[in-house]
Every structure is written in structure tokens, then in C-alpha cells.
Amino acid sequence: MKIKPLGDKILVEVLEAEEKTKGGIILPDTAKEEKTEGKVVSAGPGKTLESGKVQPLEVKKGDRIIFGKYAGDEILIDGKKHKILKESEILAVYES
């Protein structure tokens, strides 16, 4: 299934929470925190300004991002957790 976000919306695949701690302790599902990192799957064309011009988004497909814990709307696509976020809900982009 293909989903194309509209406007300044971004479709993000949420990265899975860690199964183990750095010390090697395996975490049960109830102890895992929801991950606030993800990978951009697709992005809308950009935000439409009052002048009618479209301001392109700063993120692009493939970018790894950090977003707020309660940001966006959660959806499932092919059994994987995704979120639809506004560009303003993104806190940072990992640089390579």
C-alpha cells in the first residue's frame, strides 16, 4: 500500500525499541519505552504560504529523525508502526 502525505505532513516508520540494555539485560515488552526516532518513508510537497507559494520541506525520504513522544497520529501499515507528523513536530534530523 502506498500512502502520500498532503501539505507539510510526513509519513515516518517508527524505529523499534531496544530489546536489550547496554548491559545485556533483556527487556520485557512492558518495560520498553516507545521510540521517538524514525525513518521518513514519504513527505508531502510542502507548506502552502499565504501568498500561495509552496515552501518545500526540509526533510526528505530516507532521513532519520527525532520527534516528540506524543507527536503525530499513529497508524499501522503492513503490521509496522508508522506516524504521520507535521514538519513542525520534528525536533531534529540525524546528519550523516
C-alpha atoms as a PDB file:
ATOM      1  CA  MET A   1       0.000   0.000   0.000  1.00  0.00           C
ATOM      2  CA  LYS A   2       1.274   3.467  -0.902  1.00  0.00           C
ATOM      3  CA  ILE A   3       0.435   6.500   1.189  1.00  0.00           C
ATOM      4  CA  LYS A   4       1.309  10.031   0.065  1.00  0.00           C
ATOM      5  CA  PRO A   5       1.088  12.702   2.774  1.00  0.00           C
ATOM      6  CA  LEU A   6      -0.506  16.042   1.919  1.00  0.00           C
ATOM      7  CA  GLY A   7       0.863  19.533   2.556  1.00  0.00           C
ATOM      8  CA  ASP A   8       3.538  19.684   5.250  1.00  0.00           C
ATOM      9  CA  LYS A   9       2.798  16.167   6.553  1.00  0.00           C
ATOM     10  CA  ILE A  10       5.417  13.396   6.732  1.00  0.00           C
ATOM     11  CA  LEU A  11       4.979   9.615   6.941  1.00  0.00           C
ATOM     12  CA  VAL A  12       7.521   8.109   9.337  1.00  0.00           C
ATOM     13  CA  GLU A  13       8.292   4.468  10.132  1.00  0.00           C
ATOM     14  CA  VAL A  14       8.844   4.315  13.902  1.00  0.00           C
ATOM     15  CA  LEU A  15      12.070   2.513  14.816  1.00  0.00           C
ATOM     16  CA  GLU A  16      11.679  -0.400  17.223  1.00  0.00           C
ATOM     17  CA  ALA A  17      12.571  -0.031  20.893  1.00  0.00           C
ATOM     18  CA  GLU A  18      15.713  -1.788  22.092  1.00  0.00           C
ATOM     19  CA  GLU A  19      15.315  -5.425  23.141  1.00  0.00           C
ATOM     20  CA  LYS A  20      18.325  -5.290  25.483  1.00  0.00           C
ATOM     21  CA  THR A  21      20.007  -2.716  27.678  1.00  0.00           C
ATOM     22  CA  LYS A  22      23.651  -1.801  27.078  1.00  0.00           C
ATOM     23  CA  GLY A  23      24.496  -4.130  29.979  1.00  0.00           C
ATOM     24  CA  GLY A  24      22.838  -7.066  28.179  1.00  0.00           C
ATOM     25  CA  ILE A  25      19.601  -7.301  30.194  1.00  0.00           C
ATOM     26  CA  ILE A  26      16.653  -8.372  28.029  1.00  0.00           C
ATOM     27  CA  LEU A  27      13.677  -6.046  28.479  1.00  0.00           C
ATOM     28  CA  PRO A  28      10.091  -7.353  28.583  1.00  0.00           C
ATOM     29  CA  ASP A  29       7.542  -5.585  26.355  1.00  0.00           C
ATOM     30  CA  THR A  30       6.054  -3.761  29.355  1.00  0.00           C
ATOM     31  CA  ALA A  31       9.411  -2.130  30.194  1.00  0.00           C
ATOM     32  CA  LYS A  32      10.176  -0.846  26.684  1.00  0.00           C
ATOM     33  CA  GLU A  33       9.636   2.856  26.092  1.00  0.00           C
ATOM     34  CA  GLU A  34       8.070   3.970  22.853  1.00  0.00           C
ATOM     35  CA  LYS A  35      10.810   5.040  20.482  1.00  0.00           C
ATOM     36  CA  THR A  36      10.870   8.667  19.402  1.00  0.00           C
ATOM     37  CA  GLU A  37      13.050   8.048  16.371  1.00  0.00           C
ATOM     38  CA  GLY A  38      12.002   7.122  12.902  1.00  0.00           C
ATOM     39  CA  LYS A  39      12.814   6.994   9.236  1.00  0.00           C
ATOM     40  CA  VAL A  40      10.984   9.199   6.733  1.00  0.00           C
ATOM     41  CA  VAL A  41       9.054   6.985   4.302  1.00  0.00           C
ATOM     42  CA  SER A  42       7.458   9.788   2.288  1.00  0.00           C
ATOM     43  CA  ALA A  43       6.795  13.507   2.551  1.00  0.00           C
ATOM     44  CA  GLY A  44       4.209  15.912   1.200  1.00  0.00           C
ATOM     45  CA  PRO A  45       5.062  18.704  -1.231  1.00  0.00           C
ATOM     46  CA  GLY A  46       5.411  21.363   1.481  1.00  0.00           C
ATOM     47  CA  LYS A  47       3.552  24.043   3.368  1.00  0.00           C
ATOM     48  CA  THR A  48       1.371  26.429   1.355  1.00  0.00           C
ATOM     49  CA  LEU A  49       2.072  30.007   2.414  1.00  0.00           C
ATOM     50  CA  GLU A  50      -0.499  32.829   2.476  1.00  0.00           C
ATOM     51  CA  SER A  51       1.000  34.126  -0.771  1.00  0.00           C
ATOM     52  CA  GLY A  52       0.077  30.826  -2.447  1.00  0.00           C
ATOM     53  CA  LYS A  53       3.675  29.685  -2.847  1.00  0.00           C
ATOM     54  CA  VAL A  54       4.673  26.249  -1.567  1.00  0.00           C
ATOM     55  CA  GLN A  55       7.581  26.176   0.881  1.00  0.00           C
ATOM     56  CA  PRO A  56       9.387  22.813   0.398  1.00  0.00           C
ATOM     57  CA  LEU A  57      10.018  20.590   3.414  1.00  0.00           C
ATOM     58  CA  GLU A  58      13.478  20.361   4.980  1.00  0.00           C
ATOM     59  CA  VAL A  59      13.291  16.568   5.380  1.00  0.00           C
ATOM     60  CA  LYS A  60      13.264  14.001   2.602  1.00  0.00           C
ATOM     61  CA  LYS A  61      12.658  10.302   2.138  1.00  0.00           C
ATOM     62  CA  GLY A  62      15.273   8.223   3.966  1.00  0.00           C
ATOM     63  CA  ASP A  63      16.136  10.839   6.635  1.00  0.00           C
ATOM     64  CA  ARG A  64      16.371   9.545  10.205  1.00  0.00           C
ATOM     65  CA  ILE A  65      14.562  11.903  12.566  1.00  0.00           C
ATOM     66  CA  ILE A  66      13.735  12.517  16.224  1.00  0.00           C
ATOM     67  CA  PHE A  67      10.204  13.605  17.148  1.00  0.00           C
ATOM     68  CA  GLY A  68       8.207  14.274  20.327  1.00  0.00           C
ATOM     69  CA  LYS A  69       6.859  11.308  22.294  1.00  0.00           C
ATOM     70  CA  TYR A  70       3.218  12.287  21.739  1.00  0.00           C
ATOM     71  CA  ALA A  71       3.635  13.870  18.283  1.00  0.00           C
ATOM     72  CA  GLY A  72       1.600  12.904  15.255  1.00  0.00           C
ATOM     73  CA  ASP A  73      -1.025  10.267  14.595  1.00  0.00           C
ATOM     74  CA  GLU A  74      -0.133   6.576  14.797  1.00  0.00           C
ATOM     75  CA  ILE A  75      -1.165   4.154  12.046  1.00  0.00           C
ATOM     76  CA  LEU A  76      -0.270   0.560  11.115  1.00  0.00           C
ATOM     77  CA  ILE A  77       0.905  -0.248   7.598  1.00  0.00           C
ATOM     78  CA  ASP A  78       1.614  -3.907   6.821  1.00  0.00           C
ATOM     79  CA  GLY A  79       1.864  -4.602  10.570  1.00  0.00           C
ATOM     80  CA  LYS A  80       4.546  -1.938  11.154  1.00  0.00           C
ATOM     81  CA  LYS A  81       4.050   1.138  13.349  1.00  0.00           C
ATOM     82  CA  HIS A  82       4.092   4.445  11.474  1.00  0.00           C
ATOM     83  CA  LYS A  83       3.260   8.033  12.372  1.00  0.00           C
ATOM     84  CA  ILE A  84       2.012  10.918  10.307  1.00  0.00           C
ATOM     85  CA  LEU A  85       3.662  14.104  11.566  1.00  0.00           C
ATOM     86  CA  LYS A  86       3.674  17.769  10.669  1.00  0.00           C
ATOM     87  CA  GLU A  87       7.132  19.064   9.830  1.00  0.00           C
ATOM     88  CA  SER A  88       6.926  21.353  12.883  1.00  0.00           C
ATOM     89  CA  GLU A  89       6.670  18.269  15.169  1.00  0.00           C
ATOM     90  CA  ILE A  90      10.132  17.070  14.107  1.00  0.00           C
ATOM     91  CA  LEU A  91      12.763  18.000  16.674  1.00  0.00           C
ATOM     92  CA  ALA A  92      15.938  17.027  14.814  1.00  0.00           C
ATOM     93  CA  VAL A  93      17.402  15.196  11.814  1.00  0.00           C
ATOM     94  CA  TYR A  94      20.426  12.910  12.082  1.00  0.00           C
ATOM     95  CA  GLU A  95      23.251  14.083   9.834  1.00  0.00           C
ATOM     96  CA  SER A  96      25.402  11.528   8.060  1.00  0.00           C
END
